């Protein structure tokens, strides 16, 4: 039998050996690997929601930034049109792997720019449907990643918002028309709307200047609530979005928990930290010699329902107990 002291000593040795093993592998390759980070966000707003989970995932696999790998960051500042040039810049630098840190446009830009450099994406709603990969099990080519199926969540978001606000008869979908993933997703939510007897109105936002006009259009059309789709433009301008939702007294459903923590009403979507940790595992395998084509795309398994009761009270809403009972987190 192994006593507790022996076990702890052995376990500690394994943990200490992890970064050493990764560092040794980097030295054998004759250089320290470089990870190119392609982000649609801006430096002040962070690389993307929950990006710290990616760093933690790499660290758990033995990769310490500045010690046995380096990073090259490229920020699009919320402007999708900048992504192709930024991706091409990472290719010119000959990074060892490109990590597309959120959004379908970023992943597509990386794919078009890098024909041989391995790519790992995260935050893509339908990787097969938009042509990033051939299949989840066999992505093919030089790209793999961590994904979720938008169509499976967006209809659920409308359903949950209707439960929270039973009187809803018209809902606006706030999305970026420049994001190709939302074509089929919007059709899906409109189909769910017909089932729930809720009319859907599309509201497009391609930049911060579009937010006020989108809310004005919602008010003119007597929209009673919003479903806000995950998009870099809307995330970068989250503060203004929340301000307008409160001003117009519109209950809104979000696809991620961060807006609800900042004052939004309700969210339902995949756990972003889980997705980023899965992506970190894929990057780890690639840096150790695996090929993206041999790495099946990881799928989200954890989804979260978060409700802000303080915001509900401010909107004069009484969230049904049956919905509260299913929430993963309730913000008082």
C-alpha atoms as a PDB file:
ATOM      1  CA  UNK A   1       0.000   0.000   0.000  1.00  0.00           C
ATOM      2  CA  UNK A   2       1.278   3.496  -0.874  1.00  0.00           C
ATOM      3  CA  UNK A   3       1.128   5.900   2.057  1.00  0.00           C
ATOM      4  CA  UNK A   4      -0.220   9.422   1.684  1.00  0.00           C
ATOM      5  CA  UNK A   5       3.207  11.101   1.729  1.00  0.00           C
ATOM      6  CA  UNK A   6       4.527   8.854  -1.014  1.00  0.00           C
ATOM      7  CA  UNK A   7       1.425   9.466  -3.120  1.00  0.00           C
ATOM      8  CA  UNK A   8       1.615  13.273  -2.781  1.00  0.00           C
ATOM      9  CA  UNK A   9       5.312  13.275  -3.609  1.00  0.00           C
ATOM     10  CA  UNK A  10       4.723  11.198  -6.738  1.00  0.00           C
ATOM     11  CA  UNK A  11       1.768  13.348  -7.799  1.00  0.00           C
ATOM     12  CA  UNK A  12       3.794  16.509  -7.339  1.00  0.00           C
ATOM     13  CA  UNK A  13       6.582  15.080  -9.462  1.00  0.00           C
ATOM     14  CA  UNK A  14       4.147  14.380 -12.296  1.00  0.00           C
ATOM     15  CA  UNK A  15       2.780  17.943 -12.186  1.00  0.00           C
ATOM     16  CA  UNK A  16       6.266  19.438 -12.171  1.00  0.00           C
ATOM     17  CA  UNK A  17       7.299  17.209 -15.041  1.00  0.00           C
ATOM     18  CA  UNK A  18       4.496  18.421 -17.357  1.00  0.00           C
ATOM     19  CA  UNK A  19       5.974  21.822 -18.269  1.00  0.00           C
ATOM     20  CA  UNK A  20       9.450  20.306 -18.441  1.00  0.00           C
ATOM     21  CA  UNK A  21       8.236  17.691 -20.940  1.00  0.00           C
ATOM     22  CA  UNK A  22       6.594  20.322 -23.124  1.00  0.00           C
ATOM     23  CA  UNK A  23       9.668  22.549 -22.920  1.00  0.00           C
ATOM     24  CA  UNK A  24      11.879  19.654 -23.862  1.00  0.00           C
ATOM     25  CA  UNK A  25       9.723  18.893 -26.871  1.00  0.00           C
ATOM     26  CA  UNK A  26       9.968  22.523 -27.987  1.00  0.00           C
ATOM     27  CA  UNK A  27      13.758  22.449 -27.685  1.00  0.00           C
ATOM     28  CA  UNK A  28      13.973  19.255 -29.716  1.00  0.00           C
ATOM     29  CA  UNK A  29      12.146  21.031 -32.505  1.00  0.00           C
ATOM     30  CA  UNK A  30      14.918  23.624 -32.465  1.00  0.00           C
ATOM     31  CA  UNK A  31      12.721  26.569 -31.531  1.00  0.00           C
ATOM     32  CA  UNK A  32      10.078  27.734 -29.125  1.00  0.00           C
ATOM     33  CA  UNK A  33       6.618  27.406 -30.749  1.00  0.00           C
ATOM     34  CA  UNK A  34       4.600  30.503 -31.548  1.00  0.00           C
ATOM     35  CA  UNK A  35       0.817  30.575 -31.327  1.00  0.00           C
ATOM     36  CA  UNK A  36      -0.909  33.180 -33.462  1.00  0.00           C
ATOM     37  CA  UNK A  37      -4.076  34.512 -31.807  1.00  0.00           C
ATOM     38  CA  UNK A  38      -6.616  35.888 -34.284  1.00  0.00           C
ATOM     39  CA  UNK A  39      -9.340  37.783 -32.454  1.00  0.00           C
ATOM     40  CA  UNK A  40     -12.298  39.836 -33.691  1.00  0.00           C
ATOM     41  CA  UNK A  41     -12.209  41.777 -30.439  1.00  0.00           C
ATOM     42  CA  UNK A  42     -10.096  44.711 -29.239  1.00  0.00           C
ATOM     43  CA  UNK A  43      -7.371  44.776 -26.625  1.00  0.00           C
ATOM     44  CA  UNK A  44      -9.440  46.736 -24.051  1.00  0.00           C
ATOM     45  CA  UNK A  45     -12.361  44.283 -24.317  1.00  0.00           C
ATOM     46  CA  UNK A  46     -10.111  41.243 -24.106  1.00  0.00           C
ATOM     47  CA  UNK A  47      -9.298  38.535 -26.593  1.00  0.00           C
ATOM     48  CA  UNK A  48     -12.762  37.043 -26.188  1.00  0.00           C
ATOM     49  CA  UNK A  49     -15.113  35.909 -23.435  1.00  0.00           C
ATOM     50  CA  UNK A  50     -13.526  33.325 -21.111  1.00  0.00           C
ATOM     51  CA  UNK A  51     -10.173  33.423 -22.935  1.00  0.00           C
ATOM     52  CA  UNK A  52      -8.409  32.897 -19.600  1.00  0.00           C
ATOM     53  CA  UNK A  53      -9.725  29.322 -19.680  1.00  0.00           C
ATOM     54  CA  UNK A  54      -7.613  28.775 -22.809  1.00  0.00           C
ATOM     55  CA  UNK A  55      -4.477  29.927 -21.002  1.00  0.00           C
ATOM     56  CA  UNK A  56      -5.309  27.701 -18.047  1.00  0.00           C
ATOM     57  CA  UNK A  57      -5.877  24.741 -20.348  1.00  0.00           C
ATOM     58  CA  UNK A  58      -2.469  25.246 -21.970  1.00  0.00           C
ATOM     59  CA  UNK A  59      -0.818  25.590 -18.569  1.00  0.00           C
ATOM     60  CA  UNK A  60      -2.391  22.357 -17.398  1.00  0.00           C
ATOM     61  CA  UNK A  61      -0.836  20.662 -20.426  1.00  0.00           C
ATOM     62  CA  UNK A  62       2.585  22.053 -19.570  1.00  0.00           C
ATOM     63  CA  UNK A  63       2.704  25.110 -21.826  1.00  0.00           C
ATOM     64  CA  UNK A  64       3.856  28.271 -20.040  1.00  0.00           C
ATOM     65  CA  UNK A  65       3.660  31.480 -22.063  1.00  0.00           C
ATOM     66  CA  UNK A  66       7.054  33.153 -22.340  1.00  0.00           C
ATOM     67  CA  UNK A  67       8.819  30.000 -21.205  1.00  0.00           C
ATOM     68  CA  UNK A  68       8.173  27.286 -23.762  1.00  0.00           C
ATOM     69  CA  UNK A  69       5.902  29.111 -26.203  1.00  0.00           C
ATOM     70  CA  UNK A  70       5.206  32.667 -27.331  1.00  0.00           C
ATOM     71  CA  UNK A  71       2.139  34.361 -28.769  1.00  0.00           C
ATOM     72  CA  UNK A  72       1.418  36.810 -31.566  1.00  0.00           C
ATOM     73  CA  UNK A  73      -1.880  38.679 -31.098  1.00  0.00           C
ATOM     74  CA  UNK A  74      -3.856  40.244 -33.917  1.00  0.00           C
ATOM     75  CA  UNK A  75      -6.984  42.253 -33.028  1.00  0.00           C
ATOM     76  CA  UNK A  76      -9.760  43.205 -35.455  1.00  0.00           C
ATOM     77  CA  UNK A  77     -11.248  45.808 -33.080  1.00  0.00           C
ATOM     78  CA  UNK A  78     -14.758  44.524 -33.807  1.00  0.00           C
ATOM     79  CA  UNK A  79     -14.337  45.033 -37.572  1.00  0.00           C
ATOM     80  CA  UNK A  80     -14.729  41.794 -39.510  1.00  0.00           C
ATOM     81  CA  UNK A  81     -13.279  43.319 -42.679  1.00  0.00           C
ATOM     82  CA  UNK A  82      -9.870  43.496 -40.965  1.00  0.00           C
ATOM     83  CA  UNK A  83      -9.684  39.761 -40.261  1.00  0.00           C
ATOM     84  CA  UNK A  84      -8.328  38.547 -43.655  1.00  0.00           C
ATOM     85  CA  UNK A  85      -5.319  40.903 -43.512  1.00  0.00           C
ATOM     86  CA  UNK A  86      -4.616  40.017 -39.891  1.00  0.00           C
ATOM     87  CA  UNK A  87      -4.771  36.299 -40.678  1.00  0.00           C
ATOM     88  CA  UNK A  88      -2.415  36.800 -43.620  1.00  0.00           C
ATOM     89  CA  UNK A  89      -0.016  38.617 -41.303  1.00  0.00           C
ATOM     90  CA  UNK A  90       0.116  35.612 -38.962  1.00  0.00           C
ATOM     91  CA  UNK A  91       0.827  33.378 -41.952  1.00  0.00           C
ATOM     92  CA  UNK A  92       3.740  35.623 -42.988  1.00  0.00           C
ATOM     93  CA  UNK A  93       5.151  35.291 -39.469  1.00  0.00           C
ATOM     94  CA  UNK A  94       5.085  31.493 -39.902  1.00  0.00           C
ATOM     95  CA  UNK A  95       3.467  30.829 -36.532  1.00  0.00           C
ATOM     96  CA  UNK A  96       3.218  27.169 -35.573  1.00  0.00           C
ATOM     97  CA  UNK A  97      -0.546  27.208 -35.035  1.00  0.00           C
ATOM     98  CA  UNK A  98      -3.289  29.817 -35.448  1.00  0.00           C
ATOM     99  CA  UNK A  99      -5.899  29.971 -32.716  1.00  0.00           C
ATOM    100  CA  UNK A 100      -9.064  31.638 -33.998  1.00  0.00           C
ATOM    101  CA  UNK A 101     -10.287  33.048 -30.697  1.00  0.00           C
ATOM    102  CA  UNK A 102     -14.020  33.379 -31.336  1.00  0.00           C
ATOM    103  CA  UNK A 103     -16.400  33.887 -34.250  1.00  0.00           C
ATOM    104  CA  UNK A 104     -17.122  32.261 -37.584  1.00  0.00           C
ATOM    105  CA  UNK A 105     -15.697  35.180 -39.639  1.00  0.00           C
ATOM    106  CA  UNK A 106     -12.345  34.880 -37.820  1.00  0.00           C
ATOM    107  CA  UNK A 107     -12.181  31.126 -38.418  1.00  0.00           C
ATOM    108  CA  UNK A 108     -13.045  31.551 -42.112  1.00  0.00           C
ATOM    109  CA  UNK A 109     -10.388  34.254 -42.483  1.00  0.00           C
ATOM    110  CA  UNK A 110      -7.793  31.942 -40.925  1.00  0.00           C
ATOM    111  CA  UNK A 111      -8.788  29.081 -43.221  1.00  0.00           C
ATOM    112  CA  UNK A 112      -8.552  31.221 -46.354  1.00  0.00           C
ATOM    113  CA  UNK A 113      -5.146  32.610 -45.356  1.00  0.00           C
ATOM    114  CA  UNK A 114      -3.430  29.508 -43.994  1.00  0.00           C
ATOM    115  CA  UNK A 115      -3.272  26.507 -46.303  1.00  0.00           C
ATOM    116  CA  UNK A 116      -0.760  24.454 -44.284  1.00  0.00           C
ATOM    117  CA  UNK A 117      -0.429  26.070 -40.836  1.00  0.00           C
ATOM    118  CA  UNK A 118      -2.615  24.211 -38.314  1.00  0.00           C
ATOM    119  CA  UNK A 119      -5.722  26.135 -37.204  1.00  0.00           C
ATOM    120  CA  UNK A 120      -7.801  25.625 -34.066  1.00  0.00           C
ATOM    121  CA  UNK A 121     -11.073  27.545 -33.817  1.00  0.00           C
ATOM    122  CA  UNK A 122     -13.529  28.212 -31.014  1.00  0.00           C
ATOM    123  CA  UNK A 123     -16.895  29.961 -30.857  1.00  0.00           C
ATOM    124  CA  UNK A 124     -18.133  28.811 -34.269  1.00  0.00           C
ATOM    125  CA  UNK A 125     -21.830  28.000 -34.345  1.00  0.00           C
ATOM    126  CA  UNK A 126     -21.978  25.559 -37.271  1.00  0.00           C
ATOM    127  CA  UNK A 127     -18.502  24.619 -38.497  1.00  0.00           C
ATOM    128  CA  UNK A 128     -19.786  22.128 -41.079  1.00  0.00           C
ATOM    129  CA  UNK A 129     -22.595  24.318 -42.383  1.00  0.00           C
ATOM    130  CA  UNK A 130     -20.324  27.319 -43.088  1.00  0.00           C
ATOM    131  CA  UNK A 131     -17.735  25.150 -44.843  1.00  0.00           C
ATOM    132  CA  UNK A 132     -14.935  25.248 -42.280  1.00  0.00           C
ATOM    133  CA  UNK A 133     -14.689  21.463 -42.014  1.00  0.00           C
ATOM    134  CA  UNK A 134     -16.041  18.405 -43.810  1.00  0.00           C
ATOM    135  CA  UNK A 135     -17.407  16.721 -40.692  1.00  0.00           C
ATOM    136  CA  UNK A 136     -17.021  16.845 -36.925  1.00  0.00           C
ATOM    137  CA  UNK A 137     -15.439  13.394 -36.777  1.00  0.00           C
ATOM    138  CA  UNK A 138     -13.116  13.964 -39.742  1.00  0.00           C
ATOM    139  CA  UNK A 139     -12.499  17.688 -40.164  1.00  0.00           C
ATOM    140  CA  UNK A 140      -9.904  17.129 -42.950  1.00  0.00           C
ATOM    141  CA  UNK A 141      -7.305  19.660 -44.030  1.00  0.00           C
ATOM    142  CA  UNK A 142      -5.423  21.799 -41.522  1.00  0.00           C
ATOM    143  CA  UNK A 143      -8.269  22.875 -39.245  1.00  0.00           C
ATOM    144  CA  UNK A 144     -10.090  21.591 -36.173  1.00  0.00           C
ATOM    145  CA  UNK A 145     -11.620  23.180 -33.097  1.00  0.00           C
ATOM    146  CA  UNK A 146     -14.321  23.332 -30.451  1.00  0.00           C
ATOM    147  CA  UNK A 147     -17.867  24.128 -31.510  1.00  0.00           C
ATOM    148  CA  UNK A 148     -21.563  24.110 -30.705  1.00  0.00           C
ATOM    149  CA  UNK A 149     -24.557  23.871 -32.994  1.00  0.00           C
ATOM    150  CA  UNK A 150     -26.279  27.265 -33.105  1.00  0.00           C
ATOM    151  CA  UNK A 151     -29.540  25.851 -34.434  1.00  0.00           C
ATOM    152  CA  UNK A 152     -29.842  23.616 -31.384  1.00  0.00           C
ATOM    153  CA  UNK A 153     -29.625  26.545 -28.958  1.00  0.00           C
ATOM    154  CA  UNK A 154     -31.270  29.515 -30.637  1.00  0.00           C
ATOM    155  CA  UNK A 155     -34.727  27.958 -30.739  1.00  0.00           C
ATOM    156  CA  UNK A 156     -34.326  27.047 -27.069  1.00  0.00           C
ATOM    157  CA  UNK A 157     -33.406  30.649 -26.297  1.00  0.00           C
ATOM    158  CA  UNK A 158     -36.687  31.894 -27.757  1.00  0.00           C
ATOM    159  CA  UNK A 159     -38.597  29.222 -25.885  1.00  0.00           C
ATOM    160  CA  UNK A 160     -36.996  30.192 -22.557  1.00  0.00           C
ATOM    161  CA  UNK A 161     -37.607  33.899 -23.156  1.00  0.00           C
ATOM    162  CA  UNK A 162     -41.268  33.130 -23.841  1.00  0.00           C
ATOM    163  CA  UNK A 163     -41.411  31.224 -20.541  1.00  0.00           C
ATOM    164  CA  UNK A 164     -39.896  34.195 -18.722  1.00  0.00           C
ATOM    165  CA  UNK A 165     -42.261  36.663 -20.429  1.00  0.00           C
ATOM    166  CA  UNK A 166     -45.437  34.728 -21.331  1.00  0.00           C
ATOM    167  CA  UNK A 167     -47.160  37.775 -22.856  1.00  0.00           C
ATOM    168  CA  UNK A 168     -44.609  38.035 -25.676  1.00  0.00           C
ATOM    169  CA  UNK A 169     -46.133  38.085 -29.152  1.00  0.00           C
ATOM    170  CA  UNK A 170     -43.346  39.812 -31.134  1.00  0.00           C
ATOM    171  CA  UNK A 171     -39.596  39.284 -30.599  1.00  0.00           C
ATOM    172  CA  UNK A 172     -36.678  40.959 -32.315  1.00  0.00           C
ATOM    173  CA  UNK A 173     -33.523  39.027 -33.200  1.00  0.00           C
ATOM    174  CA  UNK A 174     -30.453  41.218 -32.827  1.00  0.00           C
ATOM    175  CA  UNK A 175     -27.679  39.878 -35.066  1.00  0.00           C
ATOM    176  CA  UNK A 176     -24.902  40.882 -37.448  1.00  0.00           C
ATOM    177  CA  UNK A 177     -25.869  40.288 -41.109  1.00  0.00           C
ATOM    178  CA  UNK A 178     -22.145  40.012 -41.950  1.00  0.00           C
ATOM    179  CA  UNK A 179     -21.837  36.841 -39.871  1.00  0.00           C
ATOM    180  CA  UNK A 180     -22.617  33.897 -42.210  1.00  0.00           C
ATOM    181  CA  UNK A 181     -23.585  31.483 -39.448  1.00  0.00           C
ATOM    182  CA  UNK A 182     -26.826  33.316 -38.746  1.00  0.00           C
ATOM    183  CA  UNK A 183     -28.600  32.627 -42.031  1.00  0.00           C
ATOM    184  CA  UNK A 184     -29.822  29.143 -41.048  1.00  0.00           C
ATOM    185  CA  UNK A 185     -29.976  30.104 -37.377  1.00  0.00           C
ATOM    186  CA  UNK A 186     -32.483  32.874 -38.027  1.00  0.00           C
ATOM    187  CA  UNK A 187     -34.636  30.514 -40.068  1.00  0.00           C
ATOM    188  CA  UNK A 188     -34.595  28.123 -37.125  1.00  0.00           C
ATOM    189  CA  UNK A 189     -35.728  30.724 -34.609  1.00  0.00           C
ATOM    190  CA  UNK A 190     -38.450  31.866 -36.992  1.00  0.00           C
ATOM    191  CA  UNK A 191     -39.700  28.271 -37.217  1.00  0.00           C
ATOM    192  CA  UNK A 192     -39.742  28.081 -33.408  1.00  0.00           C
ATOM    193  CA  UNK A 193     -41.591  31.402 -33.371  1.00  0.00           C
ATOM    194  CA  UNK A 194     -44.383  29.919 -35.477  1.00  0.00           C
ATOM    195  CA  UNK A 195     -44.642  27.024 -33.022  1.00  0.00           C
ATOM    196  CA  UNK A 196     -44.849  29.417 -30.072  1.00  0.00           C
ATOM    197  CA  UNK A 197     -47.147  31.869 -31.917  1.00  0.00           C
ATOM    198  CA  UNK A 198     -44.476  34.566 -31.664  1.00  0.00           C
ATOM    199  CA  UNK A 199     -43.730  36.843 -34.609  1.00  0.00           C
ATOM    200  CA  UNK A 200     -40.009  37.337 -35.278  1.00  0.00           C
ATOM    201  CA  UNK A 201     -38.495  40.581 -36.560  1.00  0.00           C
ATOM    202  CA  UNK A 202     -34.869  40.660 -37.739  1.00  0.00           C
ATOM    203  CA  UNK A 203     -32.793  43.585 -36.470  1.00  0.00           C
ATOM    204  CA  UNK A 204     -29.340  43.931 -38.028  1.00  0.00           C
ATOM    205  CA  UNK A 205     -26.314  45.463 -36.288  1.00  0.00           C
ATOM    206  CA  UNK A 206     -23.016  45.631 -38.176  1.00  0.00           C
ATOM    207  CA  UNK A 207     -21.424  48.335 -36.051  1.00  0.00           C
ATOM    208  CA  UNK A 208     -22.001  50.534 -32.993  1.00  0.00           C
ATOM    209  CA  UNK A 209     -23.814  53.162 -35.063  1.00  0.00           C
ATOM    210  CA  UNK A 210     -26.537  50.614 -35.871  1.00  0.00           C
ATOM    211  CA  UNK A 211     -27.556  49.947 -32.259  1.00  0.00           C
ATOM    212  CA  UNK A 212     -29.739  53.009 -31.714  1.00  0.00           C
ATOM    213  CA  UNK A 213     -31.547  52.559 -35.020  1.00  0.00           C
ATOM    214  CA  UNK A 214     -32.140  48.860 -34.287  1.00  0.00           C
ATOM    215  CA  UNK A 215     -33.770  49.686 -30.946  1.00  0.00           C
ATOM    216  CA  UNK A 216     -35.784  52.500 -32.519  1.00  0.00           C
ATOM    217  CA  UNK A 217     -37.051  50.024 -35.141  1.00  0.00           C
ATOM    218  CA  UNK A 218     -37.939  47.574 -32.377  1.00  0.00           C
ATOM    219  CA  UNK A 219     -39.923  50.247 -30.551  1.00  0.00           C
ATOM    220  CA  UNK A 220     -41.800  51.311 -33.721  1.00  0.00           C
ATOM    221  CA  UNK A 221     -42.712  47.682 -34.419  1.00  0.00           C
ATOM    222  CA  UNK A 222     -43.836  47.124 -30.815  1.00  0.00           C
ATOM    223  CA  UNK A 223     -41.292  44.378 -30.220  1.00  0.00           C
ATOM    224  CA  UNK A 224     -41.770  43.031 -26.707  1.00  0.00           C
ATOM    225  CA  UNK A 225     -38.442  41.271 -26.240  1.00  0.00           C
ATOM    226  CA  UNK A 226     -35.097  40.474 -27.849  1.00  0.00           C
ATOM    227  CA  UNK A 227     -32.956  37.465 -28.623  1.00  0.00           C
ATOM    228  CA  UNK A 228     -29.372  38.743 -28.914  1.00  0.00           C
ATOM    229  CA  UNK A 229     -27.223  36.413 -30.987  1.00  0.00           C
ATOM    230  CA  UNK A 230     -23.553  35.881 -30.111  1.00  0.00           C
ATOM    231  CA  UNK A 231     -21.460  38.199 -32.263  1.00  0.00           C
ATOM    232  CA  UNK A 232     -18.192  40.092 -31.789  1.00  0.00           C
ATOM    233  CA  UNK A 233     -19.772  43.457 -32.685  1.00  0.00           C
ATOM    234  CA  UNK A 234     -22.469  43.021 -30.045  1.00  0.00           C
ATOM    235  CA  UNK A 235     -19.978  41.748 -27.464  1.00  0.00           C
ATOM    236  CA  UNK A 236     -17.576  44.666 -27.996  1.00  0.00           C
ATOM    237  CA  UNK A 237     -20.520  47.076 -27.613  1.00  0.00           C
ATOM    238  CA  UNK A 238     -22.124  45.197 -24.724  1.00  0.00           C
ATOM    239  CA  UNK A 239     -22.328  48.222 -22.403  1.00  0.00           C
ATOM    240  CA  UNK A 240     -24.293  50.273 -24.937  1.00  0.00           C
ATOM    241  CA  UNK A 241     -26.487  47.290 -25.773  1.00  0.00           C
ATOM    242  CA  UNK A 242     -27.430  46.778 -22.117  1.00  0.00           C
ATOM    243  CA  UNK A 243     -28.047  50.499 -21.697  1.00  0.00           C
ATOM    244  CA  UNK A 244     -30.462  50.580 -24.634  1.00  0.00           C
ATOM    245  CA  UNK A 245     -32.272  47.410 -23.515  1.00  0.00           C
ATOM    246  CA  UNK A 246     -32.858  49.003 -20.098  1.00  0.00           C
ATOM    247  CA  UNK A 247     -33.881  52.351 -21.605  1.00  0.00           C
ATOM    248  CA  UNK A 248     -36.450  50.730 -23.889  1.00  0.00           C
ATOM    249  CA  UNK A 249     -37.476  48.282 -21.133  1.00  0.00           C
ATOM    250  CA  UNK A 250     -36.980  45.288 -23.398  1.00  0.00           C
ATOM    251  CA  UNK A 251     -36.389  41.893 -21.775  1.00  0.00           C
ATOM    252  CA  UNK A 252     -33.531  40.270 -23.656  1.00  0.00           C
ATOM    253  CA  UNK A 253     -32.157  36.743 -24.007  1.00  0.00           C
ATOM    254  CA  UNK A 254     -28.412  36.427 -24.581  1.00  0.00           C
ATOM    255  CA  UNK A 255     -26.318  33.516 -25.830  1.00  0.00           C
ATOM    256  CA  UNK A 256     -23.691  33.874 -23.104  1.00  0.00           C
ATOM    257  CA  UNK A 257     -23.684  34.622 -19.400  1.00  0.00           C
ATOM    258  CA  UNK A 258     -21.433  37.734 -19.392  1.00  0.00           C
ATOM    259  CA  UNK A 259     -24.176  40.235 -20.418  1.00  0.00           C
ATOM    260  CA  UNK A 260     -26.450  38.861 -17.684  1.00  0.00           C
ATOM    261  CA  UNK A 261     -23.720  39.258 -15.093  1.00  0.00           C
ATOM    262  CA  UNK A 262     -23.449  42.878 -16.297  1.00  0.00           C
ATOM    263  CA  UNK A 263     -27.195  43.573 -16.013  1.00  0.00           C
ATOM    264  CA  UNK A 264     -28.949  41.659 -18.798  1.00  0.00           C
ATOM    265  CA  UNK A 265     -32.053  39.609 -18.015  1.00  0.00           C
ATOM    266  CA  UNK A 266     -31.407  36.014 -19.066  1.00  0.00           C
ATOM    267  CA  UNK A 267     -28.960  33.870 -21.013  1.00  0.00           C
ATOM    268  CA  UNK A 268     -28.751  30.346 -22.353  1.00  0.00           C
ATOM    269  CA  UNK A 269     -25.798  28.930 -24.196  1.00  0.00           C
ATOM    270  CA  UNK A 270     -22.745  26.714 -24.093  1.00  0.00           C
ATOM    271  CA  UNK A 271     -20.207  27.044 -21.302  1.00  0.00           C
ATOM    272  CA  UNK A 272     -17.478  29.174 -22.892  1.00  0.00           C
ATOM    273  CA  UNK A 273     -14.760  28.132 -20.417  1.00  0.00           C
ATOM    274  CA  UNK A 274     -15.419  24.512 -21.406  1.00  0.00           C
ATOM    275  CA  UNK A 275     -15.041  25.345 -25.105  1.00  0.00           C
ATOM    276  CA  UNK A 276     -11.767  27.201 -24.541  1.00  0.00           C
ATOM    277  CA  UNK A 277     -10.326  24.365 -22.469  1.00  0.00           C
ATOM    278  CA  UNK A 278     -11.232  21.916 -25.222  1.00  0.00           C
ATOM    279  CA  UNK A 279      -9.509  24.194 -27.742  1.00  0.00           C
ATOM    280  CA  UNK A 280      -6.414  24.341 -25.522  1.00  0.00           C
ATOM    281  CA  UNK A 281      -6.264  20.537 -25.497  1.00  0.00           C
ATOM    282  CA  UNK A 282      -6.321  20.525 -29.302  1.00  0.00           C
ATOM    283  CA  UNK A 283      -3.539  23.130 -29.507  1.00  0.00           C
ATOM    284  CA  UNK A 284      -1.501  21.047 -27.055  1.00  0.00           C
ATOM    285  CA  UNK A 285      -1.850  17.949 -29.238  1.00  0.00           C
ATOM    286  CA  UNK A 286      -0.858  19.867 -32.367  1.00  0.00           C
ATOM    287  CA  UNK A 287       2.223  21.364 -30.704  1.00  0.00           C
ATOM    288  CA  UNK A 288       3.202  17.811 -29.739  1.00  0.00           C
ATOM    289  CA  UNK A 289       2.988  16.631 -33.346  1.00  0.00           C
ATOM    290  CA  UNK A 290      -0.659  15.711 -34.047  1.00  0.00           C
ATOM    291  CA  UNK A 291      -2.298  16.753 -37.320  1.00  0.00           C
ATOM    292  CA  UNK A 292      -5.572  18.737 -37.231  1.00  0.00           C
ATOM    293  CA  UNK A 293      -7.159  16.351 -39.754  1.00  0.00           C
ATOM    294  CA  UNK A 294      -6.736  13.523 -37.231  1.00  0.00           C
ATOM    295  CA  UNK A 295      -8.316  15.465 -34.348  1.00  0.00           C
ATOM    296  CA  UNK A 296     -12.135  15.318 -34.265  1.00  0.00           C
ATOM    297  CA  UNK A 297     -13.849  18.610 -33.564  1.00  0.00           C
ATOM    298  CA  UNK A 298     -14.852  18.869 -29.915  1.00  0.00           C
ATOM    299  CA  UNK A 299     -18.458  19.746 -29.097  1.00  0.00           C
ATOM    300  CA  UNK A 300     -19.880  21.618 -26.132  1.00  0.00           C
ATOM    301  CA  UNK A 301     -21.480  19.339 -23.565  1.00  0.00           C
ATOM    302  CA  UNK A 302     -22.374  21.878 -20.879  1.00  0.00           C
ATOM    303  CA  UNK A 303     -25.051  24.533 -21.363  1.00  0.00           C
ATOM    304  CA  UNK A 304     -25.959  27.200 -18.814  1.00  0.00           C
ATOM    305  CA  UNK A 305     -29.169  29.044 -17.973  1.00  0.00           C
ATOM    306  CA  UNK A 306     -28.498  32.260 -16.026  1.00  0.00           C
ATOM    307  CA  UNK A 307     -31.193  34.666 -14.778  1.00  0.00           C
ATOM    308  CA  UNK A 308     -30.756  38.136 -13.282  1.00  0.00           C
ATOM    309  CA  UNK A 309     -33.608  38.689 -10.832  1.00  0.00           C
ATOM    310  CA  UNK A 310     -32.557  42.274 -10.118  1.00  0.00           C
ATOM    311  CA  UNK A 311     -33.075  43.102 -13.778  1.00  0.00           C
ATOM    312  CA  UNK A 312     -36.361  41.182 -13.818  1.00  0.00           C
ATOM    313  CA  UNK A 313     -37.652  43.305 -10.933  1.00  0.00           C
ATOM    314  CA  UNK A 314     -36.544  46.494 -12.701  1.00  0.00           C
ATOM    315  CA  UNK A 315     -38.553  45.401 -15.752  1.00  0.00           C
ATOM    316  CA  UNK A 316     -41.561  44.508 -13.610  1.00  0.00           C
ATOM    317  CA  UNK A 317     -41.294  40.807 -14.462  1.00  0.00           C
ATOM    318  CA  UNK A 318     -42.133  37.878 -12.196  1.00  0.00           C
ATOM    319  CA  UNK A 319     -40.028  34.968 -13.424  1.00  0.00           C
ATOM    320  CA  UNK A 320     -42.027  31.725 -13.087  1.00  0.00           C
ATOM    321  CA  UNK A 321     -40.765  29.420 -10.303  1.00  0.00           C
ATOM    322  CA  UNK A 322     -40.591  26.526 -12.784  1.00  0.00           C
ATOM    323  CA  UNK A 323     -38.012  28.475 -14.821  1.00  0.00           C
ATOM    324  CA  UNK A 324     -36.054  29.574 -11.759  1.00  0.00           C
ATOM    325  CA  UNK A 325     -35.819  25.953 -10.653  1.00  0.00           C
ATOM    326  CA  UNK A 326     -34.015  25.059 -13.897  1.00  0.00           C
ATOM    327  CA  UNK A 327     -31.509  27.913 -13.735  1.00  0.00           C
ATOM    328  CA  UNK A 328     -27.844  27.081 -13.276  1.00  0.00           C
ATOM    329  CA  UNK A 329     -27.326  30.445 -11.611  1.00  0.00           C
ATOM    330  CA  UNK A 330     -29.632  33.163 -10.289  1.00  0.00           C
ATOM    331  CA  UNK A 331     -28.217  36.659  -9.830  1.00  0.00           C
ATOM    332  CA  UNK A 332     -30.067  38.494  -7.070  1.00  0.00           C
END
